[in-house]
C-alpha cells in the first residue's frame, strides 16, 4: 500500500520521485478544470490500475472524457460513487473541491487507504523553487503576472495550480534551477497542510470571507489559507498585503516583505507609481545567497510607472502588480526585466477583459469575480456609467458591501441565480438609506429568469458610452458549469449583440 510522504522524506521540502506500477488508484472527481485530467494521465503513465469516479454524469463530463479518449484500461464510474472503489484501493486521489466530511473520503480513511490530491502529488515530486500565491481575490492575476515577470528574466518558469493547468505531466522536467509559480486555493491548501508544503516565496494578496459553504466557519477558511505560511522557515520569504490587517498579522517563520499603499512596505503604490525600497533588494540578495544561487548587484531604491508600463485597469490590479514585482525582485529580476514583463503581460481571460465594443457600448467580462470584494474592485475600475450583471450561487457570504457599491456606482443591474432576491433586497435597502429613491438617480433592477433574460435586459438598459459589465460577485454553479462557461456565454452574446 502507498504511504503518504512526510516532510522528512523531501529534499529541502520536496519528496522523492516514485511510480505507481500495478497500484489500485481511485481518482475521486474528474472535474472540468484540468487537475483531475492531469492526475489521470500522470497515474496511467506510471502504471496505475485506475478507477475514475465522479457524481456528475457522462454528459456533463463530456469535454473532460474526450481528452482522455486515447487512454485505455481506465474504469469509469460516473453519476455515482461505489464504496468498493474507496475501500479496495491502494490510494485515493481526492478532488480538492470535495467538502470535508464526505462519506466516501471518511470510508477510505476508516479502511486505512491513503488520501492525496493532484497538487500534493505534484508538490511531493517537483524539484524547482516555488512561488505560491493565495488570497481571497486577485490571486490569478498575481500568479500570471509573477510568472510573466520571472519569464522576462530568461529563466525557465512553470505556471500551474488553481489557475487551471496541471503540471504533473511535466514534473520530471522541472530542475532545481527552475521557478514554479502556483496559484493555490483554500481547498488545495487544506490538503497541502498535511504534507507540510513549504514555498520558497509565498504571496498572500488579501483575506475576506469566502467559501463558507465549504469551510463552514471563517476560522476554518483562514486556517486553510495560512497553510501557505505555516511551514516556511527563516530561509523563505512571505510577501504580505500590509493594507489588510488580517493578512499582515499572520504568523510565519519566514522573512516578511510587505506590499500595498502604506509607506511602511517594501513594494508600495503611490498613485500610478510602483516604488520599491532598498530593503526589498537586501532581502532578495540574502534570500538568493541562502540558496547558493547567483544574484544581481544591489539595486537600491527605484520606481516603475505603471500607467506607462502596465495596461491592466483598476487599482486592485496595481496592488497585484506590487505583490508580483516584489516576488520577482526577490527572485533576482532587474528593473529593466520587470518593465519588460509588465509591458508584455496579457490580462487573463474572464478578469476585467474587454471582449467587445459594439455601437458605443464596451462589454467587459469579469466572470472570475466570484466574491463581493472582487466585484466591487471591478465596479471601481470605471468612470463611465455601468450596466451590471450580478449574482449567482449562494456561498453564504455577506452581500451588503456589494449591494452598497451597486447602489452607488451602477445605473442598472440584472440579478442572476440563487442570490438574486437577497441581493435585490440589499440594494433597495442601501438606496433607501441614501434617499436615492426620491432623487433623480435610481438603479433599475430586474431579477432575471435565466442568462438570456439577464443579458437581453441589461443591454436594453445600456446607452452609447456605457460599460456592460459581467462582474457577478458570486459563484456560477447554479446556472453554469463554472465561471469560464459563464464568461464564455457572456462573450459570445456580446460579440453578436445588436441594439433593438
Protein backbone atom coordinates (compact mmCIF):
# COMPACT_ATOMS: atom_id res chain seq x y z
CA UNK A 1 0.00 0.00 0.00
CA UNK A 2 1.28 3.50 -0.85
CA UNK A 3 2.04 5.68 2.14
CA UNK A 4 1.80 9.47 2.12
CA UNK A 5 5.27 11.07 2.05
CA UNK A 6 6.08 13.23 5.05
CA UNK A 7 8.27 16.31 5.19
CA UNK A 8 11.30 14.30 6.34
CA UNK A 9 11.28 12.38 3.06
CA UNK A 10 11.70 15.53 0.98
CA UNK A 11 14.73 17.31 -0.45
CA UNK A 12 14.63 20.82 1.09
CA UNK A 13 10.87 20.41 1.25
CA UNK A 14 10.47 18.02 -1.71
CA UNK A 15 9.67 14.31 -1.91
CA UNK A 16 11.49 11.62 -3.78
CA UNK A 17 10.00 10.55 -7.11
CA UNK A 18 8.24 7.24 -7.49
CA UNK A 19 5.76 5.35 -9.64
CA UNK A 20 2.50 3.51 -9.14
CA UNK A 21 3.06 0.28 -11.09
CA UNK A 22 0.09 -2.05 -10.57
CA UNK A 23 -1.21 0.03 -7.67
CA UNK A 24 -5.00 0.28 -7.45
CA UNK A 25 -5.71 4.02 -7.53
CA UNK A 26 -9.09 5.75 -7.41
CA UNK A 27 -9.37 9.32 -8.73
CA UNK A 28 -12.36 10.90 -6.99
CA UNK A 29 -13.74 13.76 -9.07
CA UNK A 30 -12.57 14.11 -12.66
CA UNK A 31 -13.80 17.69 -12.87
CA UNK A 32 -13.53 20.15 -15.75
CA UNK A 33 -10.59 22.40 -14.80
CA UNK A 34 -7.63 20.16 -15.61
CA UNK A 35 -6.47 18.91 -12.22
CA UNK A 36 -8.34 15.63 -12.48
CA UNK A 37 -7.21 15.15 -16.06
CA UNK A 38 -3.61 15.80 -15.09
CA UNK A 39 -3.77 13.28 -12.27
CA UNK A 40 -5.33 10.61 -14.50
CA UNK A 41 -2.66 10.92 -17.21
CA UNK A 42 0.14 11.01 -14.65
CA UNK A 43 -1.07 7.87 -12.91
CA UNK A 44 -1.76 5.92 -16.11
CA UNK A 45 1.71 6.73 -17.43
CA UNK A 46 3.18 5.36 -14.20
CA UNK A 47 1.35 2.08 -14.42
CA UNK A 48 -1.54 2.52 -12.01
CA UNK A 49 -4.66 0.39 -12.27
CA UNK A 50 -7.03 3.32 -12.39
CA UNK A 51 -10.65 3.92 -11.44
CA UNK A 52 -12.17 7.36 -12.11
CA UNK A 53 -15.35 8.13 -10.21
CA UNK A 54 -17.48 11.28 -10.34
CA UNK A 55 -21.00 12.14 -9.20
CA UNK A 56 -21.57 14.02 -12.43
CA UNK A 57 -22.90 12.25 -15.49
CA UNK A 58 -21.08 11.32 -18.67
CA UNK A 59 -22.88 14.12 -20.48
CA UNK A 60 -21.72 16.80 -18.06
CA UNK A 61 -18.15 15.49 -18.20
CA UNK A 62 -18.13 15.05 -21.98
CA UNK A 63 -15.31 17.51 -22.65
CA UNK A 64 -13.05 16.03 -19.99
CA UNK A 65 -13.75 12.47 -21.11
CA UNK A 66 -12.91 13.34 -24.71
CA UNK A 67 -9.48 14.49 -23.57
CA UNK A 68 -8.88 11.01 -22.13
CA UNK A 69 -10.15 9.12 -25.17
CA UNK A 70 -6.65 7.95 -26.11
CA UNK A 71 -6.15 6.21 -22.75
CA UNK A 72 -7.23 2.61 -22.27
CA UNK A 73 -7.86 0.34 -19.30
CA UNK A 74 -9.48 3.02 -17.13
CA UNK A 75 -12.58 2.05 -15.19
CA UNK A 76 -15.12 4.90 -15.16
CA UNK A 77 -17.85 5.08 -12.51
CA UNK A 78 -19.96 8.13 -13.34
CA UNK A 79 -23.10 9.56 -11.79
CA UNK A 80 -22.36 7.78 -8.51
CA UNK A 81 -19.63 6.52 -6.17
CA UNK A 82 -19.16 2.86 -5.27
CA UNK A 83 -17.88 2.08 -1.74
CA UNK A 84 -15.53 -0.64 -3.04
CA UNK A 85 -13.59 1.94 -5.06
CA UNK A 86 -12.63 3.59 -1.77
CA UNK A 87 -12.10 0.55 0.46
CA UNK A 88 -10.24 -1.68 -2.00
CA UNK A 89 -7.80 0.92 -3.38
CA UNK A 90 -4.14 1.43 -2.55
CA UNK A 91 -4.56 5.20 -2.93
CA UNK A 92 -7.43 7.65 -3.39
CA UNK A 93 -6.73 10.93 -5.20
CA UNK A 94 -9.38 13.37 -3.99
CA UNK A 95 -10.57 16.37 -5.96
CA UNK A 96 -9.80 19.25 -3.57
CA UNK A 97 -13.31 20.67 -4.01
CA UNK A 98 -14.75 17.62 -2.19
CA UNK A 99 -16.10 19.05 1.05
CA UNK A 100 -14.85 17.98 4.49
CA UNK A 101 -16.81 15.13 6.00
CA UNK A 102 -17.56 13.45 2.68
CA UNK A 103 -18.81 9.95 3.45
CA UNK A 104 -16.62 8.22 0.85
CA UNK A 105 -13.47 10.02 1.94
CA UNK A 106 -14.31 9.07 5.52
CA UNK A 107 -14.85 5.46 4.40
CA UNK A 108 -11.38 5.34 2.84
CA UNK A 109 -9.86 6.83 5.99
CA UNK A 110 -11.55 4.27 8.23
CA UNK A 111 -10.28 1.50 5.96
CA UNK A 112 -6.73 2.84 6.14
CA UNK A 113 -6.48 3.85 2.49
CA UNK A 114 -4.08 6.80 1.99
CA UNK A 115 -5.52 10.00 0.55
CA UNK A 116 -3.86 12.64 -1.59
CA UNK A 117 -4.65 15.27 -4.25
CA UNK A 118 -3.30 16.22 -7.66
CA UNK A 119 -1.42 19.19 -6.20
CA UNK A 120 0.04 17.10 -3.38
CA UNK A 121 1.29 14.51 -5.90
CA UNK A 122 2.98 17.31 -7.82
CA UNK A 123 4.44 19.08 -4.79
CA UNK A 124 5.99 15.91 -3.41
CA UNK A 125 7.80 15.22 -6.68
CA UNK A 126 8.79 18.53 -8.24
CA UNK A 127 12.35 19.83 -7.62
CA UNK A 128 12.05 23.52 -8.53
CA UNK A 129 11.90 26.67 -6.44
CA UNK A 130 8.29 27.62 -5.69
CA UNK A 131 6.47 30.93 -5.66
CA UNK A 132 2.99 30.15 -4.34
CA UNK A 133 0.13 32.64 -4.32
CA UNK A 134 -3.14 32.63 -2.44
CA UNK A 135 -5.75 35.14 -1.31
CA UNK A 136 -9.49 35.69 -1.47
CA UNK A 137 -9.18 37.94 -4.53
CA UNK A 138 -6.57 38.75 -7.15
CA UNK A 139 -4.55 35.56 -6.89
CA UNK A 140 -4.94 34.51 -10.54
CA UNK A 141 -3.74 37.82 -11.95
CA UNK A 142 -0.93 37.98 -9.39
CA UNK A 143 0.11 34.43 -10.26
CA UNK A 144 0.11 35.02 -14.02
CA UNK A 145 1.96 38.32 -13.63
CA UNK A 146 4.60 36.81 -11.32
CA UNK A 147 5.19 34.11 -13.92
CA UNK A 148 5.46 36.72 -16.70
CA UNK A 149 7.97 38.79 -14.71
CA UNK A 150 10.13 35.76 -13.93
CA UNK A 151 9.95 34.63 -17.55
CA UNK A 152 11.23 38.07 -18.59
CA UNK A 153 14.48 37.26 -16.73
CA UNK A 154 15.18 34.46 -19.21
CA UNK A 155 14.91 31.74 -16.60
CA UNK A 156 12.82 28.65 -17.11
CA UNK A 157 9.48 29.06 -15.32
CA UNK A 158 6.41 26.89 -14.97
CA UNK A 159 2.84 28.11 -14.32
CA UNK A 160 0.14 25.94 -12.74
CA UNK A 161 -2.18 25.15 -9.88
CA UNK A 162 -5.63 26.61 -9.42
CA UNK A 163 -5.08 28.83 -12.45
CA UNK A 164 -6.31 25.85 -14.46
CA UNK A 165 -3.25 23.90 -15.54
CA UNK A 166 -1.85 20.72 -14.02
CA UNK A 167 1.96 20.43 -14.08
CA UNK A 168 2.04 16.71 -13.29
CA UNK A 169 2.71 15.90 -16.94
CA UNK A 170 6.00 17.85 -16.83
CA UNK A 171 7.03 17.19 -13.25
CA UNK A 172 10.07 15.15 -14.32
CA UNK A 173 11.33 18.05 -16.47
CA UNK A 174 11.50 20.54 -13.61
CA UNK A 175 15.02 21.11 -12.27
CA UNK A 176 16.25 22.74 -9.04
CA UNK A 177 17.19 25.86 -11.06
CA UNK A 178 13.63 26.35 -12.37
CA UNK A 179 10.94 28.54 -10.84
CA UNK A 180 7.46 27.06 -10.36
CA UNK A 181 4.65 29.62 -9.93
CA UNK A 182 1.47 28.20 -8.41
CA UNK A 183 -1.93 29.65 -7.65
CA UNK A 184 -3.36 27.78 -4.66
CA UNK A 185 -6.96 27.77 -3.48
CA UNK A 186 -8.06 27.22 0.10
CA UNK A 187 -9.26 23.76 -0.97
CA UNK A 188 -5.80 22.83 -2.27
CA UNK A 189 -4.10 24.31 0.79
CA UNK A 190 -6.32 22.30 3.12
CA UNK A 191 -4.68 19.17 1.68
CA UNK A 192 -1.18 20.62 1.29
CA UNK A 193 -1.16 21.27 5.03
CA UNK A 194 -1.00 17.50 5.51
CA UNK A 195 2.37 17.27 3.72
CA UNK A 196 3.74 20.47 5.28
CA UNK A 197 4.13 22.18 1.91
CA UNK A 198 6.71 24.98 2.10
CA UNK A 199 7.02 27.55 -0.72
CA UNK A 200 10.27 29.44 -1.17
CA UNK A 201 8.28 32.64 -1.73
CA UNK A 202 4.68 32.93 -0.56
CA UNK A 203 2.30 35.74 -1.61
CA UNK A 204 -0.98 36.47 0.17
CA UNK A 205 -2.99 39.05 -1.78
CA UNK A 206 -5.75 39.64 0.81
CA UNK A 207 -8.29 37.87 3.00
CA UNK A 208 -12.08 38.18 3.21
CA UNK A 209 -14.93 35.71 3.85
CA UNK A 210 -15.37 33.19 1.05
CA UNK A 211 -16.33 29.55 0.54
CA UNK A 212 -18.04 29.41 3.93
CA UNK A 213 -20.42 26.84 2.49
CA UNK A 214 -17.36 24.54 2.23
CA UNK A 215 -15.21 25.59 5.21
CA UNK A 216 -18.24 26.17 7.50
CA UNK A 217 -16.52 28.90 9.56
CA UNK A 218 -14.31 31.89 8.84
CA UNK A 219 -11.66 30.49 11.18
CA UNK A 220 -11.51 27.26 9.17
CA UNK A 221 -11.14 29.24 5.94
CA UNK A 222 -8.38 31.39 7.44
CA UNK A 223 -6.57 28.31 8.79
CA UNK A 224 -6.55 26.77 5.30
CA UNK A 225 -5.15 29.94 3.73
CA UNK A 226 -2.47 30.21 6.42
CA UNK A 227 -1.07 26.86 5.29
CA UNK A 228 0.93 28.85 2.73
CA UNK A 229 2.98 30.40 5.56
CA UNK A 230 2.71 27.74 8.25
CA UNK A 231 5.63 25.53 7.21
CA UNK A 232 8.00 28.20 5.92
CA UNK A 233 11.40 28.63 7.58
CA UNK A 234 13.77 31.56 8.01
CA UNK A 235 15.24 30.67 4.60
CA UNK A 236 11.93 31.59 2.92
CA UNK A 237 10.08 34.85 2.25
CA UNK A 238 6.43 35.79 2.80
CA UNK A 239 5.07 38.67 0.68
CA UNK A 240 2.06 40.06 2.55
CA UNK A 241 -0.55 42.77 2.00
CA UNK A 242 0.18 45.44 4.61
CA UNK A 243 -3.18 47.13 3.90
CA UNK A 244 -5.00 44.00 5.05
CA UNK A 245 -4.58 43.90 8.85
CA UNK A 246 -5.70 40.28 8.98
CA UNK A 247 -3.07 39.07 6.49
CA UNK A 248 -0.35 41.36 7.87
CA UNK A 249 -0.69 39.69 11.27
CA UNK A 250 -0.42 36.07 10.10
CA UNK A 251 2.31 34.08 11.80
CA UNK A 252 5.28 32.79 9.83
CA UNK A 253 8.93 32.00 10.44
CA UNK A 254 9.79 33.41 7.01
CA UNK A 255 11.25 36.83 6.33
CA UNK A 256 8.41 39.29 5.76
CA UNK A 257 8.05 41.64 2.79
CA UNK A 258 5.04 43.95 2.60
CA UNK A 259 3.24 45.47 -0.38
CA UNK A 260 0.36 47.94 -0.52
CA UNK A 261 -0.35 51.68 -0.37
CA UNK A 262 1.26 52.22 3.02
CA UNK A 263 4.65 53.88 3.40
CA UNK A 264 5.63 51.02 5.71
CA UNK A 265 6.15 48.44 3.00
CA UNK A 266 8.78 47.37 0.50
CA UNK A 267 6.60 47.46 -2.62
CA UNK A 268 4.13 50.31 -2.50
CA UNK A 269 1.72 52.06 -4.84
CA UNK A 270 1.70 55.86 -4.95
CA UNK A 271 -0.96 56.85 -7.49
CA UNK A 272 0.27 55.08 -10.65
CA UNK A 273 3.85 54.72 -9.45
CA UNK A 274 5.19 51.46 -8.05
CA UNK A 275 8.04 52.19 -5.63
CA UNK A 276 10.42 49.50 -4.39
CA UNK A 277 12.67 50.12 -1.39
CA UNK A 278 16.26 49.23 -0.64
CA UNK A 279 15.17 46.67 1.96
CA UNK A 280 13.50 44.55 -0.73
CA UNK A 281 16.79 44.29 -2.59
CA UNK A 282 18.64 43.47 0.63
CA UNK A 283 16.23 40.67 1.48
CA UNK A 284 16.36 39.43 -2.11
CA UNK A 285 20.15 39.20 -2.03
CA UNK A 286 20.10 37.35 1.29
CA UNK A 287 17.33 35.08 0.07
CA UNK A 288 19.33 34.06 -3.00
CA UNK A 289 22.58 33.71 -1.04
CA UNK A 290 20.84 31.30 1.35
CA UNK A 291 20.27 29.00 -1.61
CA UNK A 292 23.75 29.33 -3.01
CA UNK A 293 22.50 30.96 -6.20
CA UNK A 294 23.73 33.95 -8.14
CA UNK A 295 22.12 37.33 -7.65
CA UNK A 296 22.22 40.73 -9.25
CA UNK A 297 24.02 43.73 -7.77
CA UNK A 298 22.16 45.62 -5.06
CA UNK A 299 19.59 47.72 -6.85
CA UNK A 300 18.65 50.28 -4.21
CA UNK A 301 15.52 52.39 -4.35
CA UNK A 302 13.75 52.56 -7.72
CA UNK A 303 10.28 53.07 -9.14
CA UNK A 304 8.21 51.91 -12.11
CA UNK A 305 5.48 53.99 -13.76
CA UNK A 306 2.57 51.58 -14.02
CA UNK A 307 0.47 53.98 -16.08
CA UNK A 308 3.19 53.80 -18.72
CA UNK A 309 4.21 50.15 -18.48
CA UNK A 310 1.15 48.23 -17.17
CA UNK A 311 -2.13 48.35 -19.08
CA UNK A 312 -4.47 46.31 -16.86
CA UNK A 313 -7.19 48.61 -15.38
CA UNK A 314 -8.08 49.00 -11.71
CA UNK A 315 -6.28 49.99 -8.50
CA UNK A 316 -6.66 46.39 -7.30
CA UNK A 317 -4.57 45.24 -10.26
CA UNK A 318 -1.87 47.76 -9.32
CA UNK A 319 -1.78 46.08 -5.92
CA UNK A 320 -1.47 42.72 -7.66
CA UNK A 321 1.45 44.19 -9.60
CA UNK A 322 3.08 45.38 -6.38
CA UNK A 323 2.95 41.84 -4.98
CA UNK A 324 4.22 40.22 -8.18
CA UNK A 325 7.05 42.73 -8.61
CA UNK A 326 8.15 42.19 -5.01
CA UNK A 327 8.33 38.41 -5.55
CA UNK A 328 10.15 38.73 -8.86
CA UNK A 329 12.65 41.17 -7.35
CA UNK A 330 13.33 38.74 -4.53
CA UNK A 331 13.97 36.09 -7.18
CA UNK A 332 16.54 38.32 -8.90
CA UNK A 333 14.68 40.30 -11.56
CA UNK A 334 16.19 43.68 -12.52
CA UNK A 335 14.25 46.88 -13.10
CA UNK A 336 14.65 46.50 -16.87
CA UNK A 337 13.35 42.94 -16.75
CA UNK A 338 10.39 43.97 -14.59
CA UNK A 339 9.42 46.70 -17.04
CA UNK A 340 9.70 44.28 -19.95
CA UNK A 341 7.44 41.80 -18.17
CA UNK A 342 4.87 44.44 -17.22
CA UNK A 343 4.73 45.76 -20.77
CA UNK A 344 4.18 42.39 -22.40
CA UNK A 345 1.74 40.98 -19.83
CA UNK A 346 -1.60 39.98 -21.31
CA UNK A 347 -4.59 40.08 -18.93
CA UNK A 348 -6.11 36.70 -18.19
CA UNK A 349 -9.47 35.79 -19.70
CA UNK A 350 -12.54 36.50 -17.55
CA UNK A 351 -10.71 39.17 -15.48
CA UNK A 352 -11.94 42.65 -16.46
CA UNK A 353 -11.43 41.51 -20.03
CA UNK A 354 -12.69 43.83 -22.77
CA UNK A 355 -14.42 41.32 -25.04
CA UNK A 356 -16.41 43.55 -27.40
CA UNK A 357 -17.06 47.16 -28.33
CA UNK A 358 -20.34 47.49 -30.20
CA UNK A 359 -22.40 50.56 -31.04
CA UNK A 360 -20.68 52.65 -28.38
CA UNK A 361 -21.04 50.08 -25.59
CA UNK A 362 -17.98 48.40 -24.05
CA UNK A 363 -18.54 44.82 -22.87
CA UNK A 364 -16.27 43.63 -20.04
CA UNK A 365 -16.10 40.01 -18.90
CA UNK A 366 -15.16 39.81 -15.20
CA UNK A 367 -16.65 36.39 -14.58
CA UNK A 368 -13.76 35.45 -12.27
CA UNK A 369 -15.25 37.93 -9.76
CA UNK A 370 -16.87 35.27 -7.60
CA UNK A 371 -16.64 37.27 -4.36
CA UNK A 372 -18.24 40.60 -3.42
CA UNK A 373 -14.81 42.15 -2.87
CA UNK A 374 -13.55 41.30 -6.36
CA UNK A 375 -16.76 42.54 -7.97
CA UNK A 376 -16.50 45.82 -6.04
CA UNK A 377 -13.00 46.23 -7.45
CA UNK A 378 -14.45 45.77 -10.91
CA UNK A 379 -17.04 48.49 -10.29
CA UNK A 380 -14.35 50.85 -9.05
CA UNK A 381 -12.33 50.42 -12.25
CA UNK A 382 -14.66 52.52 -14.45
CA UNK A 383 -15.63 56.17 -14.59
CA UNK A 384 -18.29 55.52 -17.26
CA UNK A 385 -21.91 54.53 -16.49
CA UNK A 386 -22.18 50.81 -15.70
CA UNK A 387 -24.89 48.30 -16.50
CA UNK A 388 -24.11 45.27 -14.35
CA UNK A 389 -24.91 41.56 -14.43
CA UNK A 390 -24.57 40.28 -10.85
CA UNK A 391 -25.49 37.40 -8.57
CA UNK A 392 -25.26 33.63 -8.72
CA UNK A 393 -24.70 30.63 -6.49
CA UNK A 394 -25.08 31.31 -2.77
CA UNK A 395 -21.82 30.69 -0.87
CA UNK A 396 -23.29 32.09 2.35
CA UNK A 397 -21.23 35.30 2.31
CA UNK A 398 -22.44 38.77 3.24
CA UNK A 399 -23.50 40.78 0.17
CA UNK A 400 -24.11 44.09 1.98
CA UNK A 401 -20.97 45.88 0.79
CA UNK A 402 -21.54 44.66 -2.77
CA UNK A 403 -25.10 45.97 -2.64
CA UNK A 404 -23.83 49.32 -1.35
CA UNK A 405 -21.31 49.59 -4.20
CA UNK A 406 -24.03 48.75 -6.74
CA UNK A 407 -26.32 51.41 -5.26
CA UNK A 408 -23.55 53.98 -5.53
CA UNK A 409 -21.98 53.17 -8.89
CA UNK A 410 -24.42 51.32 -11.17
CA UNK A 411 -27.24 52.66 -13.36
CA UNK A 412 -28.90 49.27 -13.90
CA UNK A 413 -28.34 45.72 -12.68
CA UNK A 414 -29.64 42.35 -13.90
CA UNK A 415 -29.75 39.99 -10.92
CA UNK A 416 -28.99 36.32 -11.52
CA UNK A 417 -29.21 32.99 -9.75
CA UNK A 418 -29.82 31.99 -6.13
CA UNK A 419 -28.66 35.28 -4.62
CA UNK A 420 -30.81 37.49 -6.86
CA UNK A 421 -33.70 38.11 -4.42
CA UNK A 422 -31.43 38.76 -1.43
CA UNK A 423 -29.09 40.99 -3.44
CA UNK A 424 -32.04 42.95 -4.82
CA UNK A 425 -33.40 43.49 -1.31
CA UNK A 426 -29.99 44.61 -0.07
CA UNK A 427 -29.63 47.10 -2.97
CA UNK A 428 -33.05 48.59 -2.19
CA UNK A 429 -32.06 48.89 1.46
CA UNK A 430 -28.90 50.79 0.51
CA UNK A 431 -30.82 53.04 -1.89
CA UNK A 432 -33.33 53.83 0.84
CA UNK A 433 -30.51 54.80 3.24
CA UNK A 434 -29.14 57.37 0.81
CA UNK A 435 -32.51 58.62 -0.40
CA UNK A 436 -31.84 57.63 -4.00
CA UNK A 437 -35.44 56.55 -4.50
CA UNK A 438 -36.61 60.12 -4.01
CA UNK A 439 -33.79 61.71 -6.01
CA UNK A 440 -33.05 61.93 -9.71
CA UNK A 441 -30.68 58.94 -9.54
CA UNK A 442 -32.10 55.45 -9.30
CA UNK A 443 -30.87 51.94 -10.06
CA UNK A 444 -33.01 49.96 -12.47
CA UNK A 445 -33.21 46.30 -11.42
CA UNK A 446 -34.53 43.05 -12.79
CA UNK A 447 -34.48 39.55 -11.32
CA UNK A 448 -33.66 37.51 -14.40
CA UNK A 449 -35.17 34.13 -15.14
CA UNK A 450 -32.09 32.84 -16.99
CA UNK A 451 -28.91 34.18 -18.55
CA UNK A 452 -30.56 35.09 -21.84
CA UNK A 453 -33.08 37.19 -19.94
CA UNK A 454 -30.30 38.83 -17.88
CA UNK A 455 -28.19 39.71 -20.93
CA UNK A 456 -31.04 41.00 -23.09
CA UNK A 457 -32.48 43.16 -20.31
CA UNK A 458 -29.06 44.55 -19.34
CA UNK A 459 -28.22 45.51 -22.90
CA UNK A 460 -31.63 47.15 -23.29
CA UNK A 461 -30.63 49.47 -20.42
CA UNK A 462 -27.24 50.40 -21.92
CA UNK A 463 -26.65 53.53 -23.96
CA UNK A 464 -23.73 54.64 -26.08
CA UNK A 465 -20.79 55.37 -23.78
CA UNK A 466 -21.85 52.81 -21.15
CA UNK A 467 -20.00 49.76 -19.86
CA UNK A 468 -21.89 46.45 -19.81
CA UNK A 469 -20.10 44.54 -17.06
CA UNK A 470 -20.37 40.90 -16.04
CA UNK A 471 -18.94 41.02 -12.52
CA UNK A 472 -21.23 38.73 -10.54
CA UNK A 473 -19.71 38.77 -7.03
CA UNK A 474 -20.97 35.20 -6.63
CA UNK A 475 -20.05 31.72 -7.82
CA UNK A 476 -21.50 30.33 -11.05
CA UNK A 477 -22.66 26.83 -10.18
CA UNK A 478 -26.42 27.32 -10.16
CA UNK A 479 -26.74 28.44 -13.82
CA UNK A 480 -23.37 27.49 -15.34
CA UNK A 481 -20.76 24.73 -15.31
CA UNK A 482 -18.18 27.15 -13.93
CA UNK A 483 -17.03 30.76 -14.19
CA UNK A 484 -15.39 30.03 -17.56
CA UNK A 485 -18.69 28.85 -19.01
CA UNK A 486 -20.38 31.97 -17.62
CA UNK A 487 -17.76 34.27 -19.12
CA UNK A 488 -17.78 32.46 -22.46
CA UNK A 489 -21.56 32.76 -22.73
CA UNK A 490 -21.36 36.48 -21.98
CA UNK A 491 -18.57 36.97 -24.54
CA UNK A 492 -20.42 35.06 -27.25
CA UNK A 493 -23.55 37.17 -26.79
CA UNK A 494 -21.57 40.42 -26.62
CA UNK A 495 -19.84 39.77 -29.92
CA UNK A 496 -23.09 39.43 -31.86
CA UNK A 497 -25.21 41.96 -29.95
CA UNK A 498 -27.28 44.39 -31.95
CA UNK A 499 -29.30 47.27 -30.50
CA UNK A 500 -33.07 46.95 -30.84
